[in-house]
């Protein structure tokens, strides 16, 4: 008699747990306005904290795979006041946006798009896809300019 409600409750808990696991915790992730990887690492929860590398490798050129709902890699370091070249490999229609730096580029499915910009200040900058539903599903990353 109580089996069906218990199965429904169990399934709901499993779905909620999976959602929080992939989003990094009940509140999602939030990055501070600071400019260090240490502060970013301290504000990440769960498995996302392992994504922040311990050693910094600064890149002026980086290849990023943009797939539905995620970027790989989703974190990289650059030097402020130096040109950055992002080569975006799109699987499905994608975009690459960094609001604070005025960067916005679309990339059609299967295309490779080269994006050049210069971070004019130090900071932690979120990049994301503004294709409807992508950012909401977690397609975002972090660029740290030092």
Protein backbone atom coordinates (compact mmCIF):
# COMPACT_ATOMS: atom_id res chain seq x y z
CA UNK A 1 0.00 0.00 0.00
CA UNK A 2 2.84 2.42 0.77
CA UNK A 3 5.17 1.14 -1.93
CA UNK A 4 4.12 3.46 -4.75
CA UNK A 5 4.43 6.71 -2.71
CA UNK A 6 7.83 5.56 -1.40
CA UNK A 7 9.02 4.84 -4.93
CA UNK A 8 7.87 8.29 -6.08
CA UNK A 9 9.56 10.01 -3.12
CA UNK A 10 12.76 8.01 -3.70
CA UNK A 11 12.82 8.92 -7.38
CA UNK A 12 12.27 12.61 -6.57
CA UNK A 13 15.14 12.56 -4.07
CA UNK A 14 17.40 10.87 -6.61
CA UNK A 15 16.61 13.49 -9.27
CA UNK A 16 17.13 16.36 -6.80
CA UNK A 17 20.43 14.86 -5.63
CA UNK A 18 21.69 14.49 -9.19
CA UNK A 19 20.71 18.10 -9.96
CA UNK A 20 22.59 19.45 -6.93
CA UNK A 21 25.60 17.23 -7.64
CA UNK A 22 26.00 18.55 -11.19
CA UNK A 23 25.27 22.16 -10.21
CA UNK A 24 27.80 22.15 -7.36
CA UNK A 25 25.46 22.26 -4.38
CA UNK A 26 22.12 23.71 -3.34
CA UNK A 27 23.13 27.29 -4.13
CA UNK A 28 25.03 26.57 -7.32
CA UNK A 29 28.43 28.16 -7.58
CA UNK A 30 29.24 31.79 -7.00
CA UNK A 31 32.54 33.41 -7.73
CA UNK A 32 33.84 36.42 -5.84
CA UNK A 33 34.89 39.65 -7.48
CA UNK A 34 38.49 39.02 -6.36
CA UNK A 35 41.34 38.20 -8.68
CA UNK A 36 42.86 35.04 -7.23
CA UNK A 37 42.33 31.38 -7.88
CA UNK A 38 42.44 30.82 -4.12
CA UNK A 39 39.30 32.88 -3.58
CA UNK A 40 37.60 31.10 -6.48
CA UNK A 41 38.60 27.69 -5.10
CA UNK A 42 37.31 28.59 -1.62
CA UNK A 43 33.90 29.57 -3.01
CA UNK A 44 33.35 26.43 -5.05
CA UNK A 45 31.47 23.52 -3.58
CA UNK A 46 31.65 19.79 -4.13
CA UNK A 47 33.20 18.37 -7.32
CA UNK A 48 33.60 21.80 -8.92
CA UNK A 49 36.33 22.71 -6.41
CA UNK A 50 38.53 20.03 -7.98
CA UNK A 51 38.35 21.79 -11.36
CA UNK A 52 40.47 24.71 -10.17
CA UNK A 53 44.08 23.77 -10.88
CA UNK A 54 46.61 24.24 -8.11
CA UNK A 55 49.30 25.53 -10.52
CA UNK A 56 48.69 28.44 -12.84
CA UNK A 57 49.38 28.20 -16.53
CA UNK A 58 48.78 31.48 -18.32
CA UNK A 59 47.46 31.17 -21.87
CA UNK A 60 47.21 33.75 -24.58
CA UNK A 61 45.68 31.13 -26.86
CA UNK A 62 43.27 28.40 -25.81
CA UNK A 63 41.07 25.84 -27.57
CA UNK A 64 37.63 25.44 -26.01
CA UNK A 65 35.09 22.78 -26.95
CA UNK A 66 31.57 24.18 -26.66
CA UNK A 67 29.05 21.39 -26.37
CA UNK A 68 25.45 21.50 -25.26
CA UNK A 69 25.47 22.73 -21.69
CA UNK A 70 29.24 22.79 -20.99
CA UNK A 71 32.63 24.15 -22.05
CA UNK A 72 35.87 22.16 -21.92
CA UNK A 73 37.98 23.53 -20.33
CA UNK A 74 35.75 25.72 -18.21
CA UNK A 75 38.57 27.53 -16.39
CA UNK A 76 41.72 29.19 -17.66
CA UNK A 77 44.23 31.88 -16.67
CA UNK A 78 45.40 34.82 -18.76
CA UNK A 79 47.53 37.91 -18.22
CA UNK A 80 45.66 41.20 -18.00
CA UNK A 81 46.48 43.68 -20.78
CA UNK A 82 47.57 40.92 -23.18
CA UNK A 83 45.61 39.72 -26.21
CA UNK A 84 43.71 36.45 -25.69
CA UNK A 85 42.79 34.19 -28.61
CA UNK A 86 40.02 31.68 -27.95
CA UNK A 87 39.41 29.04 -30.61
CA UNK A 88 35.86 27.81 -30.04
CA UNK A 89 34.92 24.39 -31.45
CA UNK A 90 31.11 24.30 -31.55
CA UNK A 91 29.08 21.12 -31.23
CA UNK A 92 25.58 22.37 -31.92
CA UNK A 93 24.78 26.09 -32.15
CA UNK A 94 26.82 27.91 -29.51
CA UNK A 95 27.90 31.32 -28.32
CA UNK A 96 30.71 32.71 -26.17
CA UNK A 97 29.98 35.75 -24.02
CA UNK A 98 31.98 37.71 -21.44
CA UNK A 99 29.75 40.64 -20.47
CA UNK A 100 32.36 42.67 -18.55
CA UNK A 101 34.73 42.71 -21.53
CA UNK A 102 32.14 43.23 -24.26
CA UNK A 103 32.82 39.84 -25.86
CA UNK A 104 29.94 38.14 -27.70
CA UNK A 105 30.36 35.69 -30.56
CA UNK A 106 28.06 33.08 -32.03
CA UNK A 107 29.28 29.82 -33.54
CA UNK A 108 27.11 27.63 -35.76
CA UNK A 109 27.06 23.87 -35.28
CA UNK A 110 30.29 22.21 -36.38
CA UNK A 111 32.13 25.50 -36.86
CA UNK A 112 35.45 26.59 -35.42
CA UNK A 113 35.38 30.27 -34.47
CA UNK A 114 38.37 32.38 -33.44
CA UNK A 115 37.68 35.08 -30.85
CA UNK A 116 40.26 37.76 -30.00
CA UNK A 117 39.99 40.20 -27.11
CA UNK A 118 42.11 41.88 -24.45
CA UNK A 119 41.17 41.84 -20.76
CA UNK A 120 41.91 45.43 -19.71
CA UNK A 121 42.02 44.68 -15.98
CA UNK A 122 42.67 41.92 -13.48
CA UNK A 123 39.69 39.95 -12.28
CA UNK A 124 37.54 36.85 -12.39
CA UNK A 125 35.35 36.85 -15.49
CA UNK A 126 32.53 34.43 -16.22
CA UNK A 127 32.06 33.29 -19.78
CA UNK A 128 28.85 31.59 -20.89
CA UNK A 129 26.63 30.63 -23.78
CA UNK A 130 23.61 32.88 -24.23
CA UNK A 131 21.77 30.39 -26.43
CA UNK A 132 18.37 30.04 -24.69
CA UNK A 133 18.55 27.40 -21.96
CA UNK A 134 22.32 26.82 -22.15
CA UNK A 135 23.48 29.04 -19.29
CA UNK A 136 20.54 27.95 -17.17
CA UNK A 137 21.68 24.35 -17.68
CA UNK A 138 25.19 25.24 -16.49
CA UNK A 139 27.10 26.16 -19.64
CA UNK A 140 29.50 28.68 -18.19
CA UNK A 141 33.11 28.92 -17.14
CA UNK A 142 35.68 31.22 -15.58
CA UNK A 143 38.61 33.16 -16.99
CA UNK A 144 41.01 34.56 -14.39
CA UNK A 145 43.06 37.55 -15.54
CA UNK A 146 46.06 38.39 -13.36
